Protein backbone atom coordinates (compact mmCIF):
# COMPACT_ATOMS: atom_id res chain seq x y z
CA MET A 1 40.87 -21.45 -89.06
CA ILE A 2 38.66 -18.80 -87.45
CA LEU A 3 39.82 -19.87 -84.00
CA SER A 4 43.45 -19.32 -84.95
CA SER A 5 42.71 -15.75 -86.08
CA LYS A 6 44.49 -12.97 -84.27
CA VAL A 7 42.47 -10.52 -82.21
CA LYS A 8 43.50 -7.14 -80.82
CA CYS A 9 42.60 -5.43 -77.61
CA THR A 10 39.45 -3.31 -77.91
CA TYR A 11 41.22 -0.50 -76.05
CA ASP A 12 44.23 1.51 -77.25
CA CYS A 13 46.85 -1.02 -76.22
CA GLU A 14 48.96 -3.10 -78.58
CA TRP A 15 48.11 -6.53 -77.17
CA GLU A 16 47.31 -9.26 -79.68
CA GLY A 17 46.25 -12.90 -79.12
CA ASP A 18 44.55 -15.96 -80.62
CA LEU A 19 40.74 -15.98 -80.74
CA GLY A 20 40.62 -19.72 -80.05
CA ASN A 21 42.43 -19.50 -76.72
CA LEU A 22 39.98 -16.90 -75.43
CA GLN A 23 42.98 -14.87 -74.34
CA ILE A 24 41.16 -11.62 -75.01
CA ASP A 25 38.90 -12.14 -71.96
CA GLU A 26 41.90 -12.64 -69.68
CA HIS A 27 43.70 -9.68 -71.21
CA LEU A 28 40.73 -7.31 -70.73
CA LYS A 29 40.76 -8.07 -67.00
CA ILE A 30 44.31 -6.76 -66.68
CA CYS A 31 44.53 -4.29 -69.58
CA LYS A 32 45.91 -0.97 -68.37
CA TYR A 33 43.44 0.86 -70.65
CA SER A 34 40.25 -0.81 -69.44
CA LEU A 35 37.98 0.92 -66.91
CA VAL A 36 37.91 -0.75 -63.50
CA LEU A 37 36.10 -0.04 -60.26
CA CYS A 38 38.12 0.90 -57.20
CA LYS A 39 38.84 -2.07 -54.93
CA TYR A 40 37.21 -0.07 -52.10
CA GLN A 41 33.89 0.08 -53.96
CA HIS A 42 32.11 -2.07 -51.35
CA TYR A 43 33.04 0.58 -48.76
CA GLY A 44 31.57 3.34 -50.94
CA CYS A 45 34.24 4.49 -53.43
CA LYS A 46 32.39 4.64 -56.77
CA ILE A 47 35.25 6.00 -58.88
CA LYS A 48 36.02 4.19 -62.16
CA ILE A 49 39.62 4.39 -63.27
CA LEU A 50 41.82 3.10 -66.03
CA GLY A 51 43.86 0.04 -65.12
CA TRP A 52 47.15 1.92 -65.24
CA GLU A 53 45.78 4.60 -62.84
CA VAL A 54 44.88 2.18 -60.00
CA SER A 55 48.07 2.74 -58.03
CA THR A 56 47.84 6.53 -58.39
CA HIS A 57 44.17 6.52 -57.39
CA GLU A 58 44.88 4.44 -54.29
CA LYS A 59 47.65 6.83 -53.21
CA GLN A 60 45.62 10.01 -53.90
CA TYR A 61 42.48 8.70 -52.22
CA TYR A 62 44.21 6.89 -49.35
CA GLU A 63 42.64 9.02 -46.58
CA TYR A 64 39.23 8.93 -48.30
CA HIS A 65 39.42 5.13 -48.40
CA ILE A 66 40.41 5.03 -44.70
CA ASP A 67 37.43 7.29 -43.87
CA LEU A 68 35.11 4.97 -45.82
CA ILE A 69 36.46 1.92 -43.98
CA GLU A 70 36.10 3.64 -40.59
CA ALA A 71 32.52 4.72 -41.41
CA SER A 72 31.69 1.18 -42.47
CA HIS A 73 33.26 -0.18 -39.28
CA SER A 74 31.25 2.27 -37.15
CA LEU A 75 28.03 1.23 -38.88
CA LEU A 76 28.87 -2.41 -38.26
CA GLN A 77 29.47 -1.69 -34.57
CA VAL A 78 26.13 0.13 -34.27
CA SER A 79 24.37 -2.66 -36.16
CA ASN A 80 26.03 -5.27 -33.97
CA SER A 81 25.02 -3.40 -30.81
CA GLU A 82 21.43 -3.05 -32.04
CA PHE A 83 21.39 -6.72 -32.99
CA GLN A 84 22.67 -7.74 -29.55
CA SER A 85 19.95 -5.64 -27.87
CA SER A 86 17.33 -7.08 -30.17
CA LEU A 87 18.65 -10.59 -29.52
CA LEU A 88 18.45 -10.11 -25.76
CA GLU A 89 14.92 -8.70 -26.00
CA SER A 90 13.87 -11.52 -28.30
CA GLN A 91 15.31 -14.12 -25.93
CA LYS A 92 13.28 -12.58 -23.10
CA LEU A 93 10.15 -12.70 -25.26
CA VAL A 94 10.80 -16.33 -26.23
CA THR A 95 11.23 -17.24 -22.56
CA GLN A 96 8.00 -15.42 -21.75
CA ILE A 97 6.19 -17.19 -24.60
CA ILE A 98 7.41 -20.58 -23.36
CA ASP A 99 6.29 -19.74 -19.81
CA ASP A 100 2.91 -18.48 -21.08
CA ASN A 101 2.54 -21.60 -23.20
CA GLN A 102 3.20 -23.88 -20.21
CA ARG A 103 0.76 -21.89 -18.08
CA LEU A 104 -1.90 -22.02 -20.80
CA GLN A 105 -1.33 -25.74 -21.32
CA GLY A 106 -1.93 -26.23 -17.59
CA LYS A 107 -5.14 -24.21 -17.81
CA LEU A 108 -6.22 -26.13 -20.89
CA LYS A 109 -5.59 -29.42 -19.10
CA ASN A 110 -7.64 -28.21 -16.12
CA LEU A 111 -10.46 -27.10 -18.41
CA LYS A 112 -10.46 -30.44 -20.19
CA THR A 113 -10.52 -32.29 -16.87
CA LYS A 114 -13.36 -30.09 -15.61
CA HIS A 115 -15.36 -30.57 -18.79
CA ASP A 116 -14.65 -34.31 -18.80
CA ASP A 117 -15.88 -34.52 -15.21
CA GLU A 118 -19.02 -32.55 -16.09
CA LEU A 119 -19.57 -34.78 -19.08
CA LYS A 120 -19.20 -37.94 -16.96
CA SER A 121 -21.54 -36.52 -14.36
CA GLU A 122 -24.14 -35.67 -16.97
CA LYS A 123 -23.84 -39.13 -18.51
CA LEU A 124 -24.35 -40.70 -15.09
CA LYS A 125 -27.42 -38.56 -14.48
CA LEU A 126 -28.79 -39.60 -17.84
CA LYS A 127 -28.31 -43.27 -17.05
CA ILE A 128 -30.18 -42.91 -13.77
CA GLU A 129 -32.96 -40.90 -15.35
CA ASN A 130 -33.19 -43.27 -18.29
CA ASN A 131 -34.21 -46.04 -15.96
CA ASP A 132 -37.04 -43.97 -14.50
CA LYS A 133 -38.42 -41.96 -17.40
CA SER A 134 -40.05 -42.53 -20.71
CA GLY A 135 -38.42 -42.61 -24.14
CA ASN A 136 -39.24 -38.92 -24.66
CA LEU A 137 -37.18 -37.90 -21.66
CA ILE A 138 -34.36 -40.16 -22.79
CA SER A 139 -34.09 -38.37 -26.13
CA GLN A 140 -34.17 -34.98 -24.38
CA HIS A 141 -31.28 -36.00 -22.17
CA GLN A 142 -29.38 -37.35 -25.13
CA GLU A 143 -29.75 -33.96 -26.79
CA THR A 144 -28.54 -32.31 -23.60
CA LEU A 145 -25.58 -34.66 -23.58
CA LYS A 146 -24.83 -33.78 -27.20
CA GLU A 147 -24.98 -30.08 -26.28
CA TYR A 148 -22.51 -30.67 -23.46
CA GLU A 149 -20.22 -32.54 -25.82
CA VAL A 150 -20.45 -29.71 -28.36
CA ARG A 151 -19.74 -27.14 -25.63
CA HIS A 152 -16.85 -29.22 -24.39
CA LYS A 153 -15.40 -29.48 -27.89
CA LYS A 154 -15.86 -25.73 -28.54
CA SER A 155 -14.27 -24.88 -25.21
CA CYS A 156 -11.24 -27.04 -26.05
CA GLU A 157 -11.00 -25.51 -29.52
CA LEU A 158 -11.27 -22.01 -28.05
CA SER A 159 -8.46 -22.74 -25.60
CA GLU A 160 -6.27 -24.09 -28.40
CA ASN A 161 -7.11 -21.07 -30.59
CA ILE A 162 -6.09 -18.72 -27.75
CA ILE A 163 -2.73 -20.45 -27.54
CA ILE A 164 -2.29 -20.30 -31.33
CA ALA A 165 -3.25 -16.60 -31.31
CA LEU A 166 -0.63 -15.92 -28.64
CA PHE A 167 1.98 -17.61 -30.80
CA VAL A 168 0.93 -15.61 -33.85
CA ILE A 169 1.05 -12.33 -31.90
CA SER A 170 4.42 -13.25 -30.48
CA PHE A 171 5.59 -14.22 -33.95
CA LEU A 172 4.55 -10.83 -35.29
CA MET A 173 6.36 -9.13 -32.41
CA LEU A 174 9.47 -11.14 -33.21
CA CYS A 175 9.65 -10.45 -36.92
CA ASN A 176 13.37 -10.20 -36.50
CA LYS A 177 14.65 -12.65 -39.12
CA ALA A 178 17.05 -14.27 -36.72
CA PHE A 179 14.23 -15.48 -34.45
CA VAL A 180 11.43 -16.37 -36.81
CA VAL A 181 12.89 -19.85 -37.13
CA LEU A 182 13.13 -20.18 -33.34
CA VAL A 183 9.50 -19.16 -32.80
CA ILE A 184 8.27 -21.51 -35.52
CA GLY A 185 10.31 -24.28 -33.93
CA VAL A 186 8.76 -23.61 -30.51
CA PHE A 187 5.31 -23.60 -32.08
CA PHE A 188 5.84 -26.97 -33.76
CA LEU A 189 7.29 -28.45 -30.57
CA TRP A 190 4.20 -27.28 -28.70
CA LYS A 191 1.91 -28.61 -31.43
CA LYS A 192 3.54 -32.05 -31.16
CA GLN A 193 2.60 -32.22 -27.50
């Protein structure tokens, strides 16, 4: 019974409809007495007008709306140009980061090889000396070997930390949203290797 009740427009128009059909909501969207925003609001026109004045407003403010559209277009062109420049610069930086990463990986590999060779050499010396010296000397050489292993490990960690620091610095330089994902991707690809 309530749903079949008649409702009237909340504005000064004579429209009437059934409450149950929710016709009032549809009517308010098109009621000539309701306040509406200009269809050029997203370009900057903030004028609110009655529904029946829309056509008049659009005619009276035609040039103003054209100016707003042109200004918006100009801003988009500037933004696009700046984005293209930023994109080009970011691509150069990414290429440089990849090159630096490859160079640092080569250096890291050389350092690991050098340290591995030193470690092997020290182990060989210890084996020879172990045959000739007493138990006290053996434990001293084992400590020396442990020190070399610790140094080797720290050196490798330092090299890896340098590479990670370069990625973080590059990431901070590239805080352009469009390339954060690319830099993170490069980092994870490098980390997989």
